[in-house]
Amino acid sequence: MPSDIYPLVSFIGTVELSIAPPELPPFAFDAIVEEQDTCLLLGPNPEIREPCEDYKTLVFRMITQQPRLPGEVIVRKTCPARFLAVVHDLEQAPACKEEWVAHALDHIFSEAGSHRITTLAMPVLGTCYGTLQYETFITLLLSTLSGRSSIYPEKIWLIVPAPVCNRIMELLVHH
């Protein structure tokens, strides 16, 4: 079933799942999920800003900052909203674990319901930095979507590199 026409679309219950590369968004989205680590160092668009605080305050914040927990999702109320999914702990090996991605997915969909997010864009979590297999993520995603009761989100765009889109669609079809 090879195709170069995007998005590739599947339905998981009532959720429309579109698979498309980053350069071809299938729809406008209310929120985007970003893969992150416990210290919030990873991410697609690092922000480098001039500090607003004085030196002492910055040092104090740095010393007292607590790492985030794997599986946690931090919501940034921007437009579109940013959901920072903490699925990596760079101090552990492996740096990403299946259960962290599962917890993050639960939290992502819970936050989508809390914030009434109808359209969500998300990478294939755990695979951006080469740790999880695509098959594992698809299994976790299907399990999470099948066990939820919320109507949010209605649409999900899985952001996948073009060469992998058909493979992801085949994994969905065969589950």
N, C-alpha and C. Protein backbone atom coordinates (compact mmCIF):
# COMPACT_ATOMS: atom_id res chain seq x y z
N MET A 1 0.80 -1.19 0.00
CA MET A 1 0.00 0.00 0.00
C MET A 1 0.86 1.26 0.00
N PRO A 2 2.01 1.29 -0.67
CA PRO A 2 2.84 2.49 -0.71
C PRO A 2 2.08 3.68 -1.28
N SER A 3 2.36 4.85 -0.71
CA SER A 3 1.70 6.06 -1.16
C SER A 3 2.57 7.25 -0.81
N ASP A 4 2.57 8.23 -1.68
CA ASP A 4 3.25 9.48 -1.38
C ASP A 4 2.24 10.59 -1.19
N ILE A 5 0.98 10.22 -0.99
CA ILE A 5 -0.07 11.21 -0.78
C ILE A 5 -0.36 11.27 0.71
N TYR A 6 -0.18 12.45 1.27
CA TYR A 6 -0.38 12.61 2.71
C TYR A 6 -1.53 13.55 2.97
N PRO A 7 -2.21 13.41 4.07
CA PRO A 7 -1.93 12.47 5.15
C PRO A 7 -2.48 11.09 4.86
N LEU A 8 -1.89 10.10 5.50
CA LEU A 8 -2.47 8.77 5.55
C LEU A 8 -3.39 8.80 6.77
N VAL A 9 -4.61 8.34 6.63
CA VAL A 9 -5.60 8.51 7.70
C VAL A 9 -6.13 7.16 8.15
N SER A 10 -6.27 7.03 9.47
CA SER A 10 -6.86 5.85 10.09
C SER A 10 -7.75 6.33 11.23
N PHE A 11 -8.67 5.50 11.66
CA PHE A 11 -9.51 5.85 12.80
C PHE A 11 -9.27 4.85 13.91
N ILE A 12 -9.07 5.37 15.11
CA ILE A 12 -8.95 4.56 16.31
C ILE A 12 -10.16 4.94 17.16
N GLY A 13 -11.18 4.12 17.13
CA GLY A 13 -12.43 4.51 17.76
C GLY A 13 -12.97 5.74 17.05
N THR A 14 -13.20 6.80 17.80
CA THR A 14 -13.70 8.05 17.21
C THR A 14 -12.60 9.03 16.85
N VAL A 15 -11.36 8.66 17.13
CA VAL A 15 -10.23 9.57 16.88
C VAL A 15 -9.70 9.39 15.47
N GLU A 16 -9.62 10.49 14.74
CA GLU A 16 -9.01 10.47 13.41
C GLU A 16 -7.51 10.62 13.58
N LEU A 17 -6.76 9.66 13.09
CA LEU A 17 -5.31 9.66 13.22
C LEU A 17 -4.71 9.89 11.84
N SER A 18 -4.05 11.03 11.66
CA SER A 18 -3.41 11.37 10.39
C SER A 18 -1.91 11.18 10.54
N ILE A 19 -1.32 10.57 9.53
CA ILE A 19 0.13 10.33 9.54
C ILE A 19 0.70 11.15 8.39
N ALA A 20 1.60 12.07 8.72
CA ALA A 20 2.19 12.92 7.70
C ALA A 20 3.54 13.45 8.18
N PRO A 21 4.40 13.80 7.23
CA PRO A 21 5.71 14.35 7.60
C PRO A 21 5.58 15.78 8.13
N PRO A 22 6.62 16.27 8.82
CA PRO A 22 6.55 17.59 9.45
C PRO A 22 6.26 18.73 8.47
N GLU A 23 6.70 18.58 7.24
CA GLU A 23 6.51 19.67 6.28
C GLU A 23 5.12 19.67 5.64
N LEU A 24 4.27 18.68 5.96
CA LEU A 24 2.93 18.61 5.37
C LEU A 24 1.85 18.44 6.44
N PRO A 25 1.65 19.44 7.29
CA PRO A 25 0.63 19.29 8.33
C PRO A 25 -0.76 19.09 7.71
N PRO A 26 -1.49 18.08 8.16
CA PRO A 26 -2.80 17.80 7.57
C PRO A 26 -3.90 18.74 8.05
N PHE A 27 -3.67 19.44 9.15
CA PHE A 27 -4.67 20.37 9.69
C PHE A 27 -3.98 21.29 10.69
N ALA A 28 -4.65 22.39 11.00
CA ALA A 28 -4.17 23.28 12.06
C ALA A 28 -4.40 22.55 13.39
N PHE A 29 -3.52 22.76 14.36
CA PHE A 29 -3.65 22.03 15.62
C PHE A 29 -3.68 22.99 16.80
N ASP A 30 -4.40 22.54 17.85
CA ASP A 30 -4.54 23.32 19.09
C ASP A 30 -3.33 23.16 20.01
N ALA A 31 -2.67 22.00 19.91
CA ALA A 31 -1.53 21.71 20.78
C ALA A 31 -0.55 20.80 20.05
N ILE A 32 0.71 20.95 20.42
CA ILE A 32 1.76 20.09 19.87
C ILE A 32 2.53 19.46 21.02
N VAL A 33 2.81 18.18 20.88
CA VAL A 33 3.58 17.44 21.88
C VAL A 33 5.05 17.48 21.47
N GLU A 34 5.91 17.69 22.46
CA GLU A 34 7.35 17.68 22.22
C GLU A 34 7.99 16.67 23.16
N GLU A 35 8.91 15.90 22.63
CA GLU A 35 9.64 14.93 23.44
C GLU A 35 10.66 15.68 24.29
N GLN A 36 10.72 15.32 25.58
CA GLN A 36 11.58 16.08 26.50
C GLN A 36 12.24 15.13 27.49
N ASP A 37 13.25 15.63 28.20
CA ASP A 37 13.93 14.85 29.23
C ASP A 37 13.65 15.48 30.60
N THR A 38 14.10 14.81 31.64
CA THR A 38 13.79 15.23 33.02
C THR A 38 14.32 16.61 33.37
N CYS A 39 15.37 17.06 32.70
CA CYS A 39 15.94 18.40 32.96
C CYS A 39 15.50 19.44 31.93
N LEU A 40 14.61 19.02 31.04
CA LEU A 40 14.07 19.90 29.99
C LEU A 40 15.16 20.48 29.10
N LEU A 41 16.11 19.61 28.73
CA LEU A 41 17.22 20.03 27.87
C LEU A 41 16.97 19.71 26.41
N LEU A 42 16.21 18.64 26.15
CA LEU A 42 15.95 18.22 24.78
C LEU A 42 14.83 19.05 24.19
N GLY A 43 14.55 18.83 22.96
CA GLY A 43 13.42 19.49 22.33
C GLY A 43 13.78 20.01 20.96
N PRO A 44 12.77 20.21 20.14
CA PRO A 44 13.03 20.61 18.76
C PRO A 44 13.47 22.06 18.60
N ASN A 45 13.01 22.93 19.47
CA ASN A 45 13.31 24.35 19.33
C ASN A 45 13.82 24.93 20.65
N PRO A 46 15.10 24.77 20.92
CA PRO A 46 15.59 25.32 22.19
C PRO A 46 15.43 26.83 22.22
N GLU A 47 15.03 27.32 23.37
CA GLU A 47 14.86 28.76 23.53
C GLU A 47 16.06 29.33 24.25
N ILE A 48 16.69 30.30 23.63
CA ILE A 48 17.79 31.00 24.28
C ILE A 48 17.32 32.43 24.48
N ARG A 49 17.13 32.79 25.74
CA ARG A 49 16.61 34.11 26.06
C ARG A 49 17.55 34.82 27.02
N GLU A 50 17.50 36.12 26.98
CA GLU A 50 18.23 36.91 27.96
C GLU A 50 17.55 36.73 29.31
N PRO A 51 18.30 36.48 30.37
CA PRO A 51 17.68 36.29 31.68
C PRO A 51 17.06 37.59 32.19
N CYS A 52 15.93 37.44 32.87
CA CYS A 52 15.24 38.58 33.46
C CYS A 52 15.70 38.80 34.91
N GLU A 53 16.22 37.73 35.52
CA GLU A 53 16.63 37.80 36.92
C GLU A 53 18.10 38.17 37.04
N ASP A 54 18.45 38.59 38.26
CA ASP A 54 19.86 38.88 38.52
C ASP A 54 20.63 37.57 38.70
N TYR A 55 21.93 37.67 38.74
CA TYR A 55 22.81 36.51 38.79
C TYR A 55 22.52 35.61 40.00
N LYS A 56 22.37 36.20 41.19
CA LYS A 56 22.12 35.41 42.41
C LYS A 56 20.82 34.60 42.28
N THR A 57 19.80 35.22 41.76
CA THR A 57 18.52 34.54 41.60
C THR A 57 18.65 33.38 40.62
N LEU A 58 19.36 33.59 39.52
CA LEU A 58 19.56 32.53 38.54
C LEU A 58 20.31 31.34 39.14
N VAL A 59 21.36 31.62 39.89
CA VAL A 59 22.14 30.55 40.51
C VAL A 59 21.27 29.80 41.51
N PHE A 60 20.50 30.52 42.31
CA PHE A 60 19.61 29.88 43.29
C PHE A 60 18.60 28.98 42.57
N ARG A 61 17.99 29.47 41.52
CA ARG A 61 17.01 28.67 40.76
C ARG A 61 17.67 27.42 40.18
N MET A 62 18.89 27.56 39.68
CA MET A 62 19.59 26.44 39.09
C MET A 62 19.89 25.36 40.16
N ILE A 63 20.33 25.80 41.33
CA ILE A 63 20.69 24.86 42.39
C ILE A 63 19.46 24.16 42.96
N THR A 64 18.36 24.87 43.07
CA THR A 64 17.16 24.31 43.70
C THR A 64 16.20 23.64 42.73
N GLN A 65 16.46 23.74 41.44
CA GLN A 65 15.56 23.14 40.46
C GLN A 65 15.52 21.63 40.61
N GLN A 66 14.33 21.10 40.67
CA GLN A 66 14.14 19.66 40.76
C GLN A 66 13.87 19.10 39.37
N PRO A 67 14.50 17.97 39.03
CA PRO A 67 14.21 17.38 37.73
C PRO A 67 12.75 16.93 37.66
N ARG A 68 12.24 16.90 36.47
CA ARG A 68 10.88 16.42 36.24
C ARG A 68 10.88 14.89 36.30
N LEU A 69 9.71 14.32 36.48
CA LEU A 69 9.59 12.87 36.56
C LEU A 69 9.30 12.29 35.18
N PRO A 70 9.92 11.17 34.83
CA PRO A 70 9.59 10.52 33.57
C PRO A 70 8.09 10.20 33.52
N GLY A 71 7.48 10.47 32.37
CA GLY A 71 6.05 10.25 32.21
C GLY A 71 5.23 11.51 32.44
N GLU A 72 5.84 12.52 33.05
CA GLU A 72 5.16 13.78 33.33
C GLU A 72 4.95 14.56 32.03
N VAL A 73 3.90 15.36 32.00
CA VAL A 73 3.64 16.25 30.86
C VAL A 73 3.46 17.66 31.40
N ILE A 74 4.26 18.57 30.87
CA ILE A 74 4.19 19.98 31.28
C ILE A 74 3.48 20.73 30.17
N VAL A 75 2.45 21.49 30.54
CA VAL A 75 1.68 22.23 29.55
C VAL A 75 2.14 23.68 29.54
N ARG A 76 2.52 24.14 28.37
CA ARG A 76 2.86 25.55 28.16
C ARG A 76 1.69 26.17 27.40
N LYS A 77 1.07 27.16 28.00
CA LYS A 77 -0.13 27.78 27.41
C LYS A 77 0.25 28.83 26.38
N THR A 78 0.76 28.33 25.26
CA THR A 78 1.10 29.18 24.14
C THR A 78 0.05 28.93 23.06
N CYS A 79 0.23 29.47 21.89
CA CYS A 79 -0.70 29.22 20.80
C CYS A 79 0.09 28.75 19.58
N PRO A 80 0.06 27.50 19.22
CA PRO A 80 -0.66 26.41 19.88
C PRO A 80 0.00 26.05 21.21
N ALA A 81 -0.78 25.39 22.05
CA ALA A 81 -0.25 24.94 23.35
C ALA A 81 0.87 23.94 23.10
N ARG A 82 1.84 23.91 24.01
CA ARG A 82 2.94 22.95 23.93
C ARG A 82 2.83 21.98 25.10
N PHE A 83 2.81 20.70 24.79
CA PHE A 83 2.80 19.65 25.80
C PHE A 83 4.20 19.04 25.80
N LEU A 84 4.95 19.29 26.85
CA LEU A 84 6.30 18.75 26.96
C LEU A 84 6.21 17.38 27.63
N ALA A 85 6.38 16.33 26.86
CA ALA A 85 6.27 14.96 27.36
C ALA A 85 7.64 14.47 27.81
N VAL A 86 7.79 14.29 29.11
CA VAL A 86 9.07 13.86 29.68
C VAL A 86 9.17 12.34 29.53
N VAL A 87 9.89 11.91 28.50
CA VAL A 87 10.03 10.47 28.23
C VAL A 87 11.48 10.02 28.25
N HIS A 88 12.39 10.94 28.62
CA HIS A 88 13.81 10.60 28.67
C HIS A 88 14.40 11.02 30.02
N ASP A 89 15.29 10.20 30.53
CA ASP A 89 16.11 10.56 31.68
C ASP A 89 17.54 10.28 31.25
N LEU A 90 18.27 11.34 30.94
CA LEU A 90 19.61 11.19 30.38
C LEU A 90 20.62 10.60 31.35
N GLU A 91 20.23 10.46 32.62
CA GLU A 91 21.12 9.87 33.61
C GLU A 91 20.90 8.36 33.75
N GLN A 92 19.97 7.81 32.98
CA GLN A 92 19.69 6.37 33.06
C GLN A 92 19.99 5.71 31.71
N ALA A 93 20.18 4.40 31.77
CA ALA A 93 20.34 3.63 30.54
C ALA A 93 19.38 2.45 30.62
N PRO A 94 18.49 2.30 29.68
CA PRO A 94 18.27 3.20 28.56
C PRO A 94 17.67 4.52 29.01
N ALA A 95 17.85 5.53 28.20
CA ALA A 95 17.38 6.88 28.55
C ALA A 95 15.88 7.03 28.39
N CYS A 96 15.24 6.10 27.73
CA CYS A 96 13.78 6.14 27.54
C CYS A 96 13.24 4.74 27.78
N LYS A 97 12.13 4.66 28.51
CA LYS A 97 11.53 3.37 28.82
C LYS A 97 10.07 3.36 28.38
N GLU A 98 9.63 2.19 28.01
CA GLU A 98 8.26 2.00 27.53
C GLU A 98 7.23 2.52 28.52
N GLU A 99 7.42 2.24 29.80
CA GLU A 99 6.42 2.68 30.80
C GLU A 99 6.37 4.21 30.91
N TRP A 100 7.47 4.89 30.66
CA TRP A 100 7.45 6.35 30.70
C TRP A 100 6.62 6.91 29.56
N VAL A 101 6.77 6.31 28.38
CA VAL A 101 5.98 6.75 27.23
C VAL A 101 4.50 6.46 27.49
N ALA A 102 4.20 5.30 28.06
CA ALA A 102 2.80 4.96 28.38
C ALA A 102 2.20 5.98 29.35
N HIS A 103 2.95 6.33 30.40
CA HIS A 103 2.46 7.33 31.35
C HIS A 103 2.29 8.69 30.68
N ALA A 104 3.25 9.06 29.84
CA ALA A 104 3.16 10.35 29.13
C ALA A 104 1.92 10.38 28.24
N LEU A 105 1.64 9.29 27.53
CA LEU A 105 0.44 9.25 26.68
C LEU A 105 -0.83 9.43 27.52
N ASP A 106 -0.89 8.75 28.65
CA ASP A 106 -2.05 8.93 29.56
C ASP A 106 -2.20 10.39 29.94
N HIS A 107 -1.07 11.02 30.32
CA HIS A 107 -1.12 12.42 30.74
C HIS A 107 -1.44 13.35 29.58
N ILE A 108 -0.93 13.07 28.40
CA ILE A 108 -1.22 13.90 27.23
C ILE A 108 -2.71 13.93 26.96
N PHE A 109 -3.35 12.75 26.96
CA PHE A 109 -4.77 12.70 26.65
C PHE A 109 -5.61 13.25 27.80
N SER A 110 -5.13 13.11 29.02
CA SER A 110 -5.81 13.73 30.16
C SER A 110 -5.76 15.25 30.04
N GLU A 111 -4.58 15.78 29.71
CA GLU A 111 -4.44 17.24 29.54
C GLU A 111 -5.25 17.73 28.34
N ALA A 112 -5.29 16.94 27.28
CA ALA A 112 -6.10 17.32 26.11
C ALA A 112 -7.57 17.47 26.52
N GLY A 113 -8.04 16.56 27.36
CA GLY A 113 -9.42 16.65 27.85
C GLY A 113 -9.62 17.85 28.76
N SER A 114 -8.67 18.08 29.67
CA SER A 114 -8.77 19.22 30.60
C SER A 114 -8.79 20.55 29.88
N HIS A 115 -8.01 20.64 28.80
CA HIS A 115 -7.89 21.91 28.06
C HIS A 115 -8.77 21.94 26.81
N ARG A 116 -9.59 20.90 26.64
CA ARG A 116 -10.50 20.80 25.48
C ARG A 116 -9.77 20.96 24.15
N ILE A 117 -8.69 20.24 24.04
CA ILE A 117 -7.87 20.24 22.83
C ILE A 117 -8.53 19.29 21.83
N THR A 118 -8.98 19.82 20.70
CA THR A 118 -9.63 18.97 19.70
C THR A 118 -8.65 18.42 18.68
N THR A 119 -7.58 19.17 18.41
CA THR A 119 -6.59 18.72 17.42
C THR A 119 -5.20 18.76 18.06
N LEU A 120 -4.48 17.67 17.89
CA LEU A 120 -3.19 17.49 18.56
C LEU A 120 -2.16 16.99 17.55
N ALA A 121 -0.99 17.60 17.57
CA ALA A 121 0.13 17.13 16.74
C ALA A 121 1.15 16.50 17.68
N MET A 122 1.72 15.36 17.26
CA MET A 122 2.67 14.70 18.14
C MET A 122 3.62 13.81 17.36
N PRO A 123 4.90 13.81 17.77
CA PRO A 123 5.84 12.87 17.16
C PRO A 123 5.59 11.48 17.71
N VAL A 124 6.24 10.51 17.14
CA VAL A 124 6.16 9.14 17.65
C VAL A 124 7.10 9.10 18.86
N LEU A 125 6.52 9.31 20.04
CA LEU A 125 7.29 9.47 21.27
C LEU A 125 8.22 8.30 21.54
N GLY A 126 9.40 8.64 22.01
CA GLY A 126 10.39 7.64 22.36
C GLY A 126 11.27 7.24 21.19
N THR A 127 10.91 7.67 19.98
CA THR A 127 11.69 7.30 18.80
C THR A 127 12.53 8.46 18.27
N CYS A 128 12.24 9.68 18.71
CA CYS A 128 12.95 10.86 18.18
C CYS A 128 14.45 10.78 18.44
N TYR A 129 14.84 10.18 19.53
CA TYR A 129 16.26 10.06 19.87
C TYR A 129 16.71 8.61 19.83
N GLY A 130 15.98 7.79 19.06
CA GLY A 130 16.41 6.44 18.74
C GLY A 130 16.29 5.38 19.80
N THR A 131 15.42 5.52 20.78
CA THR A 131 15.37 4.53 21.86
C THR A 131 14.28 3.48 21.66
N LEU A 132 13.04 3.91 21.41
CA LEU A 132 11.92 2.98 21.27
C LEU A 132 11.72 2.60 19.80
N GLN A 133 11.15 1.45 19.59
CA GLN A 133 10.78 1.01 18.24
C GLN A 133 9.40 1.58 17.90
N TYR A 134 9.16 1.83 16.63
CA TYR A 134 7.86 2.35 16.19
C TYR A 134 6.73 1.42 16.61
N GLU A 135 6.95 0.11 16.50
CA GLU A 135 5.93 -0.87 16.86
C GLU A 135 5.51 -0.71 18.32
N THR A 136 6.47 -0.48 19.18
CA THR A 136 6.18 -0.32 20.61
C THR A 136 5.31 0.90 20.84
N PHE A 137 5.66 2.01 20.20
CA PHE A 137 4.86 3.22 20.37
C PHE A 137 3.44 3.01 19.87
N ILE A 138 3.27 2.41 18.71
CA ILE A 138 1.93 2.19 18.15
C ILE A 138 1.10 1.33 19.10
N THR A 139 1.70 0.29 19.65
CA THR A 139 0.99 -0.56 20.62
C THR A 139 0.55 0.26 21.83
N LEU A 140 1.44 1.11 22.35
CA LEU A 140 1.11 1.95 23.51
C LEU A 140 0.01 2.96 23.16
N LEU A 141 0.12 3.57 21.99
CA LEU A 141 -0.88 4.56 21.56
C LEU A 141 -2.25 3.92 21.42
N LEU A 142 -2.31 2.77 20.76
CA LEU A 142 -3.60 2.09 20.57
C LEU A 142 -4.20 1.68 21.91
N SER A 143 -3.38 1.19 22.81
CA SER A 143 -3.84 0.80 24.13
C SER A 143 -4.41 2.00 24.89
N THR A 144 -3.70 3.13 24.82
CA THR A 144 -4.14 4.34 25.52
C THR A 144 -5.43 4.87 24.93
N LEU A 145 -5.51 4.93 23.61
CA LEU A 145 -6.71 5.46 22.96
C LEU A 145 -7.92 4.56 23.18
N SER A 146 -7.72 3.25 23.21
CA SER A 146 -8.86 2.35 23.39
C SER A 146 -9.40 2.38 24.81
N GLY A 147 -8.58 2.81 25.77
CA GLY A 147 -9.02 2.81 27.16
C GLY A 147 -9.52 4.15 27.67
N ARG A 148 -9.72 5.11 26.80
CA ARG A 148 -10.12 6.45 27.27
C ARG A 148 -11.60 6.70 27.05
N SER A 149 -12.15 7.62 27.83
CA SER A 149 -13.57 7.94 27.72
C SER A 149 -13.80 9.36 27.22
N SER A 150 -12.79 10.18 27.18
CA SER A 150 -12.92 11.58 26.76
C SER A 150 -13.13 11.69 25.26
N ILE A 151 -13.78 12.74 24.84
CA ILE A 151 -13.96 12.99 23.40
C ILE A 151 -12.78 13.77 22.83
N TYR A 152 -11.86 14.17 23.71
CA TYR A 152 -10.70 14.95 23.27
C TYR A 152 -9.46 14.09 23.24
N PRO A 153 -8.60 14.24 22.28
CA PRO A 153 -8.75 15.03 21.07
C PRO A 153 -9.58 14.28 20.02
N GLU A 154 -10.09 15.03 19.06
CA GLU A 154 -10.84 14.43 17.96
C GLU A 154 -9.91 13.98 16.85
N LYS A 155 -8.82 14.75 16.67
CA LYS A 155 -7.86 14.46 15.61
C LYS A 155 -6.44 14.49 16.17
N ILE A 156 -5.63 13.55 15.71
CA ILE A 156 -4.22 13.51 16.09
C ILE A 156 -3.40 13.43 14.80
N TRP A 157 -2.41 14.31 14.71
CA TRP A 157 -1.45 14.22 13.61
C TRP A 157 -0.18 13.60 14.16
N LEU A 158 0.14 12.40 13.71
CA LEU A 158 1.41 11.78 14.06
C LEU A 158 2.46 12.33 13.09
N ILE A 159 3.39 13.06 13.64
CA ILE A 159 4.44 13.69 12.83
C ILE A 159 5.55 12.66 12.64
N VAL A 160 5.70 12.22 11.41
CA VAL A 160 6.61 11.13 11.10
C VAL A 160 7.43 11.50 9.86
N PRO A 161 8.72 11.19 9.84
CA PRO A 161 9.50 11.44 8.62
C PRO A 161 8.85 10.73 7.42
N ALA A 162 8.85 11.37 6.26
CA ALA A 162 8.19 10.82 5.07
C ALA A 162 8.54 9.36 4.78
N PRO A 163 9.81 8.95 4.89
CA PRO A 163 10.13 7.55 4.57
C PRO A 163 9.48 6.54 5.52
N VAL A 164 8.98 7.00 6.66
CA VAL A 164 8.43 6.08 7.67
C VAL A 164 6.91 6.09 7.69
N CYS A 165 6.26 7.03 7.02
CA CYS A 165 4.79 7.16 7.07
C CYS A 165 4.07 5.87 6.70
N ASN A 166 4.44 5.25 5.59
CA ASN A 166 3.76 4.02 5.17
C ASN A 166 3.96 2.89 6.17
N ARG A 167 5.14 2.82 6.75
CA ARG A 167 5.42 1.78 7.76
C ARG A 167 4.51 1.95 8.97
N ILE A 168 4.33 3.20 9.42
CA ILE A 168 3.47 3.47 10.57
C ILE A 168 2.02 3.09 10.24
N MET A 169 1.58 3.42 9.03
CA MET A 169 0.22 3.08 8.62
C MET A 169 0.04 1.56 8.59
N GLU A 170 1.02 0.84 8.10
CA GLU A 170 0.95 -0.63 8.08
C GLU A 170 0.87 -1.19 9.50
N LEU A 171 1.62 -0.60 10.42
CA LEU A 171 1.56 -1.06 11.81
C LEU A 171 0.17 -0.84 12.39
N LEU A 172 -0.45 0.28 12.07
CA LEU A 172 -1.80 0.57 12.55
C LEU A 172 -2.81 -0.43 11.98
N VAL A 173 -2.69 -0.71 10.71
CA VAL A 173 -3.61 -1.61 10.03
C VAL A 173 -3.51 -3.03 10.58
N HIS A 174 -2.29 -3.44 10.93
CA HIS A 174 -2.08 -4.82 11.39
C HIS A 174 -2.34 -5.02 12.88
N HIS A 175 -2.67 -3.97 13.60
CA HIS A 175 -2.97 -4.13 15.04
C HIS A 175 -4.42 -4.43 15.25
